[in-house]
Amino acid sequence: MTTAIIHHPIYLQHDTGPGHPETSSRYKAVIESLQNDADLWEGLLKIEAESASRNAIEKCHTAQHFETVENAVKENIGYLDADTIVSPHSFDAALYAAGGACRAIDAVMKGDVNNAFVPVRPPGHHATHTRPMGFCLFNNVAVAARYAQEKYEEIERVAIVDWDVHHGNGTQDIFYEDSSVFFFSMHQYPWYPSTGSSGETGSDQGRGFTKNLPVRASTKASEQRSMFDAALEDMNKNFRPDLIIISAGFDAHLTDPLGQLLLEDTDYIEMTKAVRQWADEVCGGRIISCMEGGYNLQTLGETVRRHVEALS
């Protein structure tokens, strides 16, 4: 088998309340779309997620951050900020989201599959070293990157490719001074969270290991794709990862209510293939893809299905 899907029913139990765009229906839409493609579903290795340890979380987040999320759930606080809501099962869901990404690392590193897709909830790329924000509690891809580096000797360098419509400010924050993790974000700019200019390139030992590709609203999809391909080519000249992680947001889709970019399913297919080709060339095809945004319930499932099909 080429591709694993990491799943868990706890992802349905993170309840953000009525009207919130980051809803459990997103997970349902993705799983149902994958299952409706019988051949694709049959070819996926199904793996149940496990909970991340506190130690794994604190490789990327402070103890205070961990306790803020834990206590907010215990005390039924409800809101961590205006956008970031917790409910009785949110802490466990967040641990299983980060743990699911780590379980994907294990599946790839043990040779069970070449790559893996993790339709996690809650998403993670806005969670910084010190605070949850923007629907995100723990930074799933960051935790997975550190987990891979800590557990597997052959993983020294990790590339994170973030194509969510929003800048992955949390991931950037965690690795901004780190030369072992190259963070690349392509996102609408200016847009929430108002970070991700092209001048943000890292600092200290990490200078040159952050690459931001800000894209103006309503940019033609073909132009955005060309920019993405050029950025990957540039990265390949300067960084040879041992593992590639995709922060797979699907809210740059032209139908998404939270973005103003114009990508279509065919663009996600081609971007996936481009990352897969890079992975085949430099790291034996090792990719894990973690879901971030994507909020149109009529289109999300099919877009994700085609992303997973391109991985497979």
C-alpha atoms as a PDB file:
ATOM      1  CA  MET A   1       0.000   0.000   0.000  1.00  0.00           C
ATOM      2  CA  THR A   2       1.191   3.512  -0.822  1.00  0.00           C
ATOM      3  CA  THR A   3      -0.953   5.688   1.444  1.00  0.00           C
ATOM      4  CA  ALA A   4      -2.314   5.432   4.977  1.00  0.00           C
ATOM      5  CA  ILE A   5      -5.230   7.335   6.436  1.00  0.00           C
ATOM      6  CA  ILE A   6      -5.010   8.085  10.136  1.00  0.00           C
ATOM      7  CA  HIS A   7      -8.441   8.378  11.715  1.00  0.00           C
ATOM      8  CA  HIS A   8     -10.210   8.453  15.085  1.00  0.00           C
ATOM      9  CA  PRO A   9     -13.806   9.073  16.241  1.00  0.00           C
ATOM     10  CA  ILE A  10     -12.560  11.662  18.762  1.00  0.00           C
ATOM     11  CA  TYR A  11     -12.122  14.064  15.828  1.00  0.00           C
ATOM     12  CA  LEU A  12     -15.929  14.255  15.661  1.00  0.00           C
ATOM     13  CA  GLN A  13     -16.261  15.173  19.334  1.00  0.00           C
ATOM     14  CA  HIS A  14     -14.426  18.511  19.295  1.00  0.00           C
ATOM     15  CA  ASP A  15     -17.586  20.654  19.389  1.00  0.00           C
ATOM     16  CA  THR A  16     -17.180  24.261  18.287  1.00  0.00           C
ATOM     17  CA  GLY A  17     -20.864  25.096  18.552  1.00  0.00           C
ATOM     18  CA  PRO A  18     -23.499  26.258  16.061  1.00  0.00           C
ATOM     19  CA  GLY A  19     -22.349  28.487  13.223  1.00  0.00           C
ATOM     20  CA  HIS A  20     -18.635  27.907  13.673  1.00  0.00           C
ATOM     21  CA  PRO A  21     -16.914  27.039  10.367  1.00  0.00           C
ATOM     22  CA  GLU A  22     -14.523  24.484  11.909  1.00  0.00           C
ATOM     23  CA  THR A  23     -17.182  21.867  12.495  1.00  0.00           C
ATOM     24  CA  SER A  24     -17.245  18.079  12.858  1.00  0.00           C
ATOM     25  CA  SER A  25     -19.112  17.988   9.550  1.00  0.00           C
ATOM     26  CA  ARG A  26     -15.773  18.690   7.876  1.00  0.00           C
ATOM     27  CA  TYR A  27     -14.383  15.370   9.110  1.00  0.00           C
ATOM     28  CA  LYS A  28     -17.587  13.565   8.108  1.00  0.00           C
ATOM     29  CA  ALA A  29     -17.476  15.053   4.611  1.00  0.00           C
ATOM     30  CA  VAL A  30     -13.873  13.958   4.098  1.00  0.00           C
ATOM     31  CA  ILE A  31     -14.317  10.402   5.368  1.00  0.00           C
ATOM     32  CA  GLU A  32     -17.558   9.896   3.436  1.00  0.00           C
ATOM     33  CA  SER A  33     -15.993  11.125   0.198  1.00  0.00           C
ATOM     34  CA  LEU A  34     -13.040   8.777   0.611  1.00  0.00           C
ATOM     35  CA  GLN A  35     -15.312   5.830   1.452  1.00  0.00           C
ATOM     36  CA  ASN A  36     -17.546   6.530  -1.535  1.00  0.00           C
ATOM     37  CA  ASP A  37     -14.561   5.881  -3.798  1.00  0.00           C
ATOM     38  CA  ALA A  38     -14.470   2.147  -3.167  1.00  0.00           C
ATOM     39  CA  ASP A  39     -11.241   1.470  -5.043  1.00  0.00           C
ATOM     40  CA  LEU A  40      -9.374   4.305  -3.336  1.00  0.00           C
ATOM     41  CA  TRP A  41     -10.685   3.413   0.117  1.00  0.00           C
ATOM     42  CA  GLU A  42      -9.804  -0.243  -0.317  1.00  0.00           C
ATOM     43  CA  GLY A  43      -6.253   0.736  -1.240  1.00  0.00           C
ATOM     44  CA  LEU A  44      -5.666   2.867   1.856  1.00  0.00           C
ATOM     45  CA  LEU A  45      -4.071   1.468   4.982  1.00  0.00           C
ATOM     46  CA  LYS A  46      -6.411   2.466   7.822  1.00  0.00           C
ATOM     47  CA  ILE A  47      -4.671   3.308  11.086  1.00  0.00           C
ATOM     48  CA  GLU A  48      -6.315   4.574  14.254  1.00  0.00           C
ATOM     49  CA  ALA A  49      -4.658   7.606  15.798  1.00  0.00           C
ATOM     50  CA  GLU A  50      -3.053   7.524  19.231  1.00  0.00           C
ATOM     51  CA  SER A  51      -2.809  10.305  21.794  1.00  0.00           C
ATOM     52  CA  ALA A  52       0.335  12.429  21.821  1.00  0.00           C
ATOM     53  CA  SER A  53       2.252  12.529  25.088  1.00  0.00           C
ATOM     54  CA  ARG A  54       2.682  15.727  27.033  1.00  0.00           C
ATOM     55  CA  ASN A  55       6.410  15.436  26.370  1.00  0.00           C
ATOM     56  CA  ALA A  56       5.806  15.391  22.599  1.00  0.00           C
ATOM     57  CA  ILE A  57       3.562  18.452  22.832  1.00  0.00           C
ATOM     58  CA  GLU A  58       6.104  20.330  24.936  1.00  0.00           C
ATOM     59  CA  LYS A  59       8.800  19.864  22.306  1.00  0.00           C
ATOM     60  CA  CYS A  60       6.900  22.622  20.489  1.00  0.00           C
ATOM     61  CA  HIS A  61       4.764  24.346  23.143  1.00  0.00           C
ATOM     62  CA  THR A  62       5.371  25.695  26.608  1.00  0.00           C
ATOM     63  CA  ALA A  63       4.054  23.933  29.701  1.00  0.00           C
ATOM     64  CA  GLN A  64       1.797  26.929  30.258  1.00  0.00           C
ATOM     65  CA  HIS A  65       0.321  26.512  26.759  1.00  0.00           C
ATOM     66  CA  PHE A  66      -0.407  22.833  27.448  1.00  0.00           C
ATOM     67  CA  GLU A  67      -2.042  23.672  30.773  1.00  0.00           C
ATOM     68  CA  THR A  68      -4.050  26.532  29.278  1.00  0.00           C
ATOM     69  CA  VAL A  69      -5.777  24.119  26.906  1.00  0.00           C
ATOM     70  CA  GLU A  70      -6.159  21.392  29.524  1.00  0.00           C
ATOM     71  CA  ASN A  71      -7.584  23.735  32.153  1.00  0.00           C
ATOM     72  CA  ALA A  72      -9.895  25.534  29.737  1.00  0.00           C
ATOM     73  CA  VAL A  73     -11.557  22.200  29.016  1.00  0.00           C
ATOM     74  CA  LYS A  74     -11.647  21.091  32.655  1.00  0.00           C
ATOM     75  CA  GLU A  75     -13.150  24.395  33.745  1.00  0.00           C
ATOM     76  CA  ASN A  76     -15.555  24.601  30.807  1.00  0.00           C
ATOM     77  CA  ILE A  77     -14.270  28.053  29.836  1.00  0.00           C
ATOM     78  CA  GLY A  78     -15.523  27.680  26.266  1.00  0.00           C
ATOM     79  CA  TYR A  79     -13.446  30.332  24.470  1.00  0.00           C
ATOM     80  CA  LEU A  80      -9.662  30.633  24.324  1.00  0.00           C
ATOM     81  CA  ASP A  81     -10.067  33.588  21.985  1.00  0.00           C
ATOM     82  CA  ALA A  82     -12.856  34.907  19.773  1.00  0.00           C
ATOM     83  CA  ASP A  83     -12.309  32.132  17.192  1.00  0.00           C
ATOM     84  CA  THR A  84     -10.901  29.281  19.250  1.00  0.00           C
ATOM     85  CA  ILE A  85     -13.532  27.288  21.108  1.00  0.00           C
ATOM     86  CA  VAL A  86     -13.150  24.314  23.422  1.00  0.00           C
ATOM     87  CA  SER A  87     -15.722  21.835  24.685  1.00  0.00           C
ATOM     88  CA  PRO A  88     -15.568  18.756  26.966  1.00  0.00           C
ATOM     89  CA  HIS A  89     -13.724  16.556  24.448  1.00  0.00           C
ATOM     90  CA  SER A  90     -11.486  19.215  22.886  1.00  0.00           C
ATOM     91  CA  PHE A  91      -8.362  18.499  24.925  1.00  0.00           C
ATOM     92  CA  ASP A  92      -8.461  14.814  24.031  1.00  0.00           C
ATOM     93  CA  ALA A  93      -9.199  15.631  20.390  1.00  0.00           C
ATOM     94  CA  ALA A  94      -6.193  17.975  20.302  1.00  0.00           C
ATOM     95  CA  LEU A  95      -3.930  15.304  21.781  1.00  0.00           C
ATOM     96  CA  TYR A  96      -5.180  12.764  19.232  1.00  0.00           C
ATOM     97  CA  ALA A  97      -4.758  15.302  16.427  1.00  0.00           C
ATOM     98  CA  ALA A  98      -1.083  15.795  17.238  1.00  0.00           C
ATOM     99  CA  GLY A  99      -0.793  12.084  18.018  1.00  0.00           C
ATOM    100  CA  GLY A 100      -2.379  11.197  14.698  1.00  0.00           C
ATOM    101  CA  ALA A 101       0.292  13.157  12.892  1.00  0.00           C
ATOM    102  CA  CYS A 102       2.953  11.312  14.896  1.00  0.00           C
ATOM    103  CA  ARG A 103       1.308   7.978  14.126  1.00  0.00           C
ATOM    104  CA  ALA A 104       1.540   8.911  10.449  1.00  0.00           C
ATOM    105  CA  ILE A 105       5.274   9.466  10.903  1.00  0.00           C
ATOM    106  CA  ASP A 106       5.608   5.976  12.364  1.00  0.00           C
ATOM    107  CA  ALA A 107       3.692   4.371   9.490  1.00  0.00           C
ATOM    108  CA  VAL A 108       5.918   6.047   6.909  1.00  0.00           C
ATOM    109  CA  MET A 109       9.197   5.498   8.764  1.00  0.00           C
ATOM    110  CA  LYS A 110       8.487   1.824   9.388  1.00  0.00           C
ATOM    111  CA  GLY A 111       7.872   1.321   5.678  1.00  0.00           C
ATOM    112  CA  ASP A 112       4.210   0.368   6.004  1.00  0.00           C
ATOM    113  CA  VAL A 113       3.376   3.054   3.423  1.00  0.00           C
ATOM    114  CA  ASN A 114       5.158   5.759   1.453  1.00  0.00           C
ATOM    115  CA  ASN A 115       2.909   8.537   2.699  1.00  0.00           C
ATOM    116  CA  ALA A 116      -0.073   9.255   4.909  1.00  0.00           C
ATOM    117  CA  PHE A 117      -3.027  11.623   5.166  1.00  0.00           C
ATOM    118  CA  VAL A 118      -4.404  12.739   8.526  1.00  0.00           C
ATOM    119  CA  PRO A 119      -7.812  14.506   8.464  1.00  0.00           C
ATOM    120  CA  VAL A 120      -7.292  15.939  11.931  1.00  0.00           C
ATOM    121  CA  ARG A 121      -9.529  18.137  14.024  1.00  0.00           C
ATOM    122  CA  PRO A 122      -8.762  20.561  15.501  1.00  0.00           C
ATOM    123  CA  PRO A 123      -6.295  21.949  12.940  1.00  0.00           C
ATOM    124  CA  GLY A 124      -2.948  23.228  14.140  1.00  0.00           C
ATOM    125  CA  HIS A 125      -0.891  25.654  12.083  1.00  0.00           C
ATOM    126  CA  HIS A 126      -1.913  28.844  13.922  1.00  0.00           C
ATOM    127  CA  ALA A 127      -0.924  27.489  17.357  1.00  0.00           C
ATOM    128  CA  THR A 128       2.335  29.201  18.319  1.00  0.00           C
ATOM    129  CA  HIS A 129       4.988  28.170  20.818  1.00  0.00           C
ATOM    130  CA  THR A 130       3.060  29.922  23.581  1.00  0.00           C
ATOM    131  CA  ARG A 131      -0.624  30.170  22.648  1.00  0.00           C
ATOM    132  CA  PRO A 132      -3.538  28.503  20.876  1.00  0.00           C
ATOM    133  CA  MET A 133      -5.320  30.636  18.284  1.00  0.00           C
ATOM    134  CA  GLY A 134      -7.267  30.603  15.022  1.00  0.00           C
ATOM    135  CA  PHE A 135      -9.236  27.360  15.671  1.00  0.00           C
ATOM    136  CA  CYS A 136      -5.936  25.639  16.612  1.00  0.00           C
ATOM    137  CA  LEU A 137      -4.985  24.175  20.013  1.00  0.00           C
ATOM    138  CA  PHE A 138      -1.681  22.341  19.415  1.00  0.00           C
ATOM    139  CA  ASN A 139       0.436  22.587  16.274  1.00  0.00           C
ATOM    140  CA  ASN A 140       0.042  19.138  14.763  1.00  0.00           C
ATOM    141  CA  VAL A 141       2.628  19.401  11.995  1.00  0.00           C
ATOM    142  CA  ALA A 142       5.219  20.977  14.293  1.00  0.00           C
ATOM    143  CA  VAL A 143       4.769  18.251  16.894  1.00  0.00           C
ATOM    144  CA  ALA A 144       5.096  15.622  14.150  1.00  0.00           C
ATOM    145  CA  ALA A 145       8.270  17.209  12.775  1.00  0.00           C
ATOM    146  CA  ARG A 146       9.945  17.245  16.182  1.00  0.00           C
ATOM    147  CA  TYR A 147       8.714  13.723  16.907  1.00  0.00           C
ATOM    148  CA  ALA A 148      10.301  12.482  13.672  1.00  0.00           C
ATOM    149  CA  GLN A 149      13.608  14.177  14.455  1.00  0.00           C
ATOM    150  CA  GLU A 150      13.659  12.861  18.018  1.00  0.00           C
ATOM    151  CA  LYS A 151      12.668   9.262  17.261  1.00  0.00           C
ATOM    152  CA  TYR A 152      14.324   8.486  13.927  1.00  0.00           C
ATOM    153  CA  GLU A 153      18.051   8.981  13.386  1.00  0.00           C
ATOM    154  CA  GLU A 154      17.618   9.215   9.630  1.00  0.00           C
ATOM    155  CA  ILE A 155      15.387  12.269   9.973  1.00  0.00           C
ATOM    156  CA  GLU A 156      17.548  15.350  10.473  1.00  0.00           C
ATOM    157  CA  ARG A 157      15.925  17.844   8.105  1.00  0.00           C
ATOM    158  CA  VAL A 158      12.182  18.343   7.637  1.00  0.00           C
ATOM    159  CA  ALA A 159      10.405  20.522   5.086  1.00  0.00           C
ATOM    160  CA  ILE A 160       6.907  21.786   5.905  1.00  0.00           C
ATOM    161  CA  VAL A 161       4.820  22.935   2.932  1.00  0.00           C
ATOM    162  CA  ASP A 162       1.754  24.941   3.976  1.00  0.00           C
ATOM    163  CA  TRP A 163      -0.780  25.842   1.266  1.00  0.00           C
ATOM    164  CA  ASP A 164      -3.659  26.893   3.521  1.00  0.00           C
ATOM    165  CA  VAL A 165      -5.237  30.228   2.543  1.00  0.00           C
ATOM    166  CA  HIS A 166      -4.073  31.599   5.909  1.00  0.00           C
ATOM    167  CA  HIS A 167      -0.437  32.010   6.854  1.00  0.00           C
ATOM    168  CA  GLY A 168       0.882  29.270   9.125  1.00  0.00           C
ATOM    169  CA  ASN A 169       2.107  31.761  11.701  1.00  0.00           C
ATOM    170  CA  GLY A 170       2.302  29.218  14.503  1.00  0.00           C
ATOM    171  CA  THR A 171       4.525  26.832  12.570  1.00  0.00           C
ATOM    172  CA  GLN A 172       6.717  29.725  11.511  1.00  0.00           C
ATOM    173  CA  ASP A 173       6.977  30.900  15.118  1.00  0.00           C
ATOM    174  CA  ILE A 174       8.075  27.501  16.391  1.00  0.00           C
ATOM    175  CA  PHE A 175      10.830  26.994  13.805  1.00  0.00           C
ATOM    176  CA  TYR A 176      11.869  30.583  13.023  1.00  0.00           C
ATOM    177  CA  GLU A 177      15.353  30.167  14.507  1.00  0.00           C
ATOM    178  CA  ASP A 178      15.821  26.543  13.415  1.00  0.00           C
ATOM    179  CA  SER A 179      17.847  25.514  10.364  1.00  0.00           C
ATOM    180  CA  SER A 180      16.744  21.872  10.561  1.00  0.00           C
ATOM    181  CA  VAL A 181      13.141  22.643   9.582  1.00  0.00           C
ATOM    182  CA  PHE A 182      12.402  24.586   6.404  1.00  0.00           C
ATOM    183  CA  PHE A 183       8.963  26.195   6.602  1.00  0.00           C
ATOM    184  CA  PHE A 184       7.269  27.310   3.383  1.00  0.00           C
ATOM    185  CA  SER A 185       3.863  28.978   3.399  1.00  0.00           C
ATOM    186  CA  MET A 186       1.813  30.071   0.386  1.00  0.00           C
ATOM    187  CA  HIS A 187      -1.176  32.108   1.526  1.00  0.00           C
ATOM    188  CA  GLN A 188      -3.478  35.007   0.802  1.00  0.00           C
ATOM    189  CA  TYR A 189      -1.921  38.298   1.908  1.00  0.00           C
ATOM    190  CA  PRO A 190      -2.910  40.544   3.532  1.00  0.00           C
ATOM    191  CA  TRP A 191      -5.334  38.259   5.375  1.00  0.00           C
ATOM    192  CA  TYR A 192      -5.702  36.639   8.791  1.00  0.00           C
ATOM    193  CA  PRO A 193      -3.472  36.527  10.842  1.00  0.00           C
ATOM    194  CA  SER A 194      -1.693  39.483   9.175  1.00  0.00           C
ATOM    195  CA  THR A 195       1.689  37.746   9.081  1.00  0.00           C
ATOM    196  CA  GLY A 196       3.655  36.040   6.321  1.00  0.00           C
ATOM    197  CA  SER A 197       5.258  38.792   4.301  1.00  0.00           C
ATOM    198  CA  SER A 198       8.058  37.839   1.930  1.00  0.00           C
ATOM    199  CA  GLY A 199      10.519  39.596   4.243  1.00  0.00           C
ATOM    200  CA  GLU A 200       9.939  37.043   7.018  1.00  0.00           C
ATOM    201  CA  THR A 201      12.755  34.579   6.296  1.00  0.00           C
ATOM    202  CA  GLY A 202      13.903  33.341   9.713  1.00  0.00           C
ATOM    203  CA  SER A 203      16.393  34.628  12.239  1.00  0.00           C
ATOM    204  CA  ASP A 204      19.678  33.591  13.861  1.00  0.00           C
ATOM    205  CA  GLN A 205      20.481  29.991  12.864  1.00  0.00           C
ATOM    206  CA  GLY A 206      17.171  29.803  11.037  1.00  0.00           C
ATOM    207  CA  ARG A 207      17.781  32.722   8.702  1.00  0.00           C
ATOM    208  CA  GLY A 208      16.900  31.640   5.176  1.00  0.00           C
ATOM    209  CA  PHE A 209      14.908  28.615   6.328  1.00  0.00           C
ATOM    210  CA  THR A 210      11.500  30.308   6.278  1.00  0.00           C
ATOM    211  CA  LYS A 211       9.978  31.128   2.900  1.00  0.00           C
ATOM    212  CA  ASN A 212       6.712  33.013   2.553  1.00  0.00           C
ATOM    213  CA  LEU A 213       4.819  33.330  -0.701  1.00  0.00           C
ATOM    214  CA  PRO A 214       2.128  35.987  -0.159  1.00  0.00           C
ATOM    215  CA  VAL A 215      -0.608  35.877  -2.801  1.00  0.00           C
ATOM    216  CA  ARG A 216      -3.054  38.685  -3.517  1.00  0.00           C
ATOM    217  CA  ALA A 217      -6.792  37.978  -3.441  1.00  0.00           C
ATOM    218  CA  SER A 218      -8.250  36.891  -6.793  1.00  0.00           C
ATOM    219  CA  THR A 219      -4.867  35.940  -8.255  1.00  0.00           C
ATOM    220  CA  LYS A 220      -5.384  33.605 -11.212  1.00  0.00           C
ATOM    221  CA  ALA A 221      -4.979  29.972 -10.216  1.00  0.00           C
ATOM    222  CA  SER A 222      -2.492  29.384 -13.031  1.00  0.00           C
ATOM    223  CA  GLU A 223      -0.341  32.247 -11.772  1.00  0.00           C
ATOM    224  CA  GLN A 224      -0.475  30.976  -8.205  1.00  0.00           C
ATOM    225  CA  ARG A 225       0.474  27.479  -9.342  1.00  0.00           C
ATOM    226  CA  SER A 226       3.465  28.841 -11.256  1.00  0.00           C
ATOM    227  CA  MET A 227       4.582  30.709  -8.151  1.00  0.00           C
ATOM    228  CA  PHE A 228       4.230  27.525  -6.089  1.00  0.00           C
ATOM    229  CA  ASP A 229       6.263  25.444  -8.542  1.00  0.00           C
ATOM    230  CA  ALA A 230       9.003  28.073  -8.653  1.00  0.00           C
ATOM    231  CA  ALA A 231       9.135  28.202  -4.849  1.00  0.00           C
ATOM    232  CA  LEU A 232       9.506  24.412  -4.605  1.00  0.00           C
ATOM    233  CA  GLU A 233      12.283  24.501  -7.186  1.00  0.00           C
ATOM    234  CA  ASP A 234      14.057  27.191  -5.203  1.00  0.00           C
ATOM    235  CA  MET A 235      13.698  25.201  -1.978  1.00  0.00           C
ATOM    236  CA  ASN A 236      15.096  22.113  -3.661  1.00  0.00           C
ATOM    237  CA  LYS A 237      18.276  23.997  -4.546  1.00  0.00           C
ATOM    238  CA  ASN A 238      18.928  24.978  -0.950  1.00  0.00           C
ATOM    239  CA  PHE A 239      17.413  22.284   1.276  1.00  0.00           C
ATOM    240  CA  ARG A 240      17.332  18.498   0.991  1.00  0.00           C
ATOM    241  CA  PRO A 241      14.741  17.219   3.449  1.00  0.00           C
ATOM    242  CA  ASP A 242      14.612  13.737   4.893  1.00  0.00           C
ATOM    243  CA  LEU A 243      10.841  14.072   5.294  1.00  0.00           C
ATOM    244  CA  ILE A 244       8.175  16.411   3.885  1.00  0.00           C
ATOM    245  CA  ILE A 245       5.062  17.416   5.816  1.00  0.00           C
ATOM    246  CA  ILE A 246       2.146  19.157   4.121  1.00  0.00           C
ATOM    247  CA  SER A 247      -0.062  21.537   6.078  1.00  0.00           C
ATOM    248  CA  ALA A 248      -2.929  20.750   3.748  1.00  0.00           C
ATOM    249  CA  GLY A 249      -5.436  23.551   3.974  1.00  0.00           C
ATOM    250  CA  PHE A 250      -8.144  23.496   1.314  1.00  0.00           C
ATOM    251  CA  ASP A 251      -9.551  26.959   1.966  1.00  0.00           C
ATOM    252  CA  ALA A 252      -7.668  28.518  -0.946  1.00  0.00           C
ATOM    253  CA  HIS A 253     -10.324  26.789  -3.082  1.00  0.00           C
ATOM    254  CA  LEU A 254     -12.356  29.255  -5.117  1.00  0.00           C
ATOM    255  CA  THR A 255     -15.593  28.139  -3.386  1.00  0.00           C
ATOM    256  CA  ASP A 256     -14.342  28.528   0.183  1.00  0.00           C
ATOM    257  CA  PRO A 257     -16.168  31.064   2.382  1.00  0.00           C
ATOM    258  CA  LEU A 258     -13.053  32.016   4.382  1.00  0.00           C
ATOM    259  CA  GLY A 259     -10.727  32.842   1.511  1.00  0.00           C
ATOM    260  CA  GLN A 260     -10.510  34.864  -1.684  1.00  0.00           C
ATOM    261  CA  LEU A 261      -8.166  32.718  -3.774  1.00  0.00           C
ATOM    262  CA  LEU A 262      -9.148  30.747  -6.851  1.00  0.00           C
ATOM    263  CA  LEU A 263      -7.602  27.278  -6.717  1.00  0.00           C
ATOM    264  CA  GLU A 264      -9.623  24.335  -8.000  1.00  0.00           C
ATOM    265  CA  ASP A 265      -9.358  20.588  -7.461  1.00  0.00           C
ATOM    266  CA  THR A 266      -7.017  20.216 -10.431  1.00  0.00           C
ATOM    267  CA  ASP A 267      -4.624  22.715  -8.832  1.00  0.00           C
ATOM    268  CA  TYR A 268      -4.510  20.729  -5.597  1.00  0.00           C
ATOM    269  CA  ILE A 269      -3.828  17.586  -7.612  1.00  0.00           C
ATOM    270  CA  GLU A 270      -0.904  19.220  -9.402  1.00  0.00           C
ATOM    271  CA  MET A 271       0.532  20.726  -6.204  1.00  0.00           C
ATOM    272  CA  THR A 272       0.298  17.317  -4.540  1.00  0.00           C
ATOM    273  CA  LYS A 273       2.066  15.701  -7.468  1.00  0.00           C
ATOM    274  CA  ALA A 274       4.792  18.366  -7.359  1.00  0.00           C
ATOM    275  CA  VAL A 275       5.449  17.709  -3.672  1.00  0.00           C
ATOM    276  CA  ARG A 276       5.362  13.982  -4.278  1.00  0.00           C
ATOM    277  CA  GLN A 277       7.904  14.289  -7.088  1.00  0.00           C
ATOM    278  CA  TRP A 278      10.188  16.310  -4.800  1.00  0.00           C
ATOM    279  CA  ALA A 279       9.814  13.689  -2.078  1.00  0.00           C
ATOM    280  CA  ASP A 280      10.585  10.884  -4.521  1.00  0.00           C
ATOM    281  CA  GLU A 281      13.779  12.684  -5.534  1.00  0.00           C
ATOM    282  CA  VAL A 282      15.126  13.583  -2.104  1.00  0.00           C
ATOM    283  CA  CYS A 283      13.627  11.463   0.694  1.00  0.00           C
ATOM    284  CA  GLY A 284      12.328   8.195  -0.639  1.00  0.00           C
ATOM    285  CA  GLY A 285       8.801   9.545  -1.093  1.00  0.00           C
ATOM    286  CA  ARG A 286       8.258  10.173   2.627  1.00  0.00           C
ATOM    287  CA  ILE A 287       5.315  12.562   2.992  1.00  0.00           C
ATOM    288  CA  ILE A 288       2.688  13.084   5.645  1.00  0.00           C
ATOM    289  CA  SER A 289      -0.216  15.410   4.926  1.00  0.00           C
ATOM    290  CA  CYS A 290      -2.254  16.918   7.764  1.00  0.00           C
ATOM    291  CA  MET A 291      -5.533  18.693   7.126  1.00  0.00           C
ATOM    292  CA  GLU A 292      -5.749  22.333   8.144  1.00  0.00           C
ATOM    293  CA  GLY A 293      -8.523  24.567   6.742  1.00  0.00           C
ATOM    294  CA  GLY A 294     -11.274  24.003   4.183  1.00  0.00           C
ATOM    295  CA  TYR A 295     -14.797  25.076   5.061  1.00  0.00           C
ATOM    296  CA  ASN A 296     -17.121  24.540   2.105  1.00  0.00           C
ATOM    297  CA  LEU A 297     -18.873  21.312   3.026  1.00  0.00           C
ATOM    298  CA  GLN A 298     -20.169  20.849  -0.529  1.00  0.00           C
ATOM    299  CA  THR A 299     -16.676  20.789  -2.054  1.00  0.00           C
ATOM    300  CA  LEU A 300     -14.216  19.844   0.719  1.00  0.00           C
ATOM    301  CA  GLY A 301     -14.734  16.077   0.569  1.00  0.00           C
ATOM    302  CA  GLU A 302     -14.100  15.830  -3.156  1.00  0.00           C
ATOM    303  CA  THR A 303     -11.065  18.126  -3.023  1.00  0.00           C
ATOM    304  CA  VAL A 304      -9.535  16.025  -0.269  1.00  0.00           C
ATOM    305  CA  ARG A 305     -10.401  12.802  -2.089  1.00  0.00           C
ATOM    306  CA  ARG A 306      -8.486  13.994  -5.129  1.00  0.00           C
ATOM    307  CA  HIS A 307      -5.544  15.082  -2.941  1.00  0.00           C
ATOM    308  CA  VAL A 308      -5.387  11.600  -1.397  1.00  0.00           C
ATOM    309  CA  GLU A 309      -5.775   9.998  -4.822  1.00  0.00           C
ATOM    310  CA  ALA A 310      -2.777  12.029  -6.026  1.00  0.00           C
ATOM    311  CA  LEU A 311      -0.754  10.849  -3.021  1.00  0.00           C
ATOM    312  CA  SER A 312      -1.674   7.265  -3.809  1.00  0.00           C
END
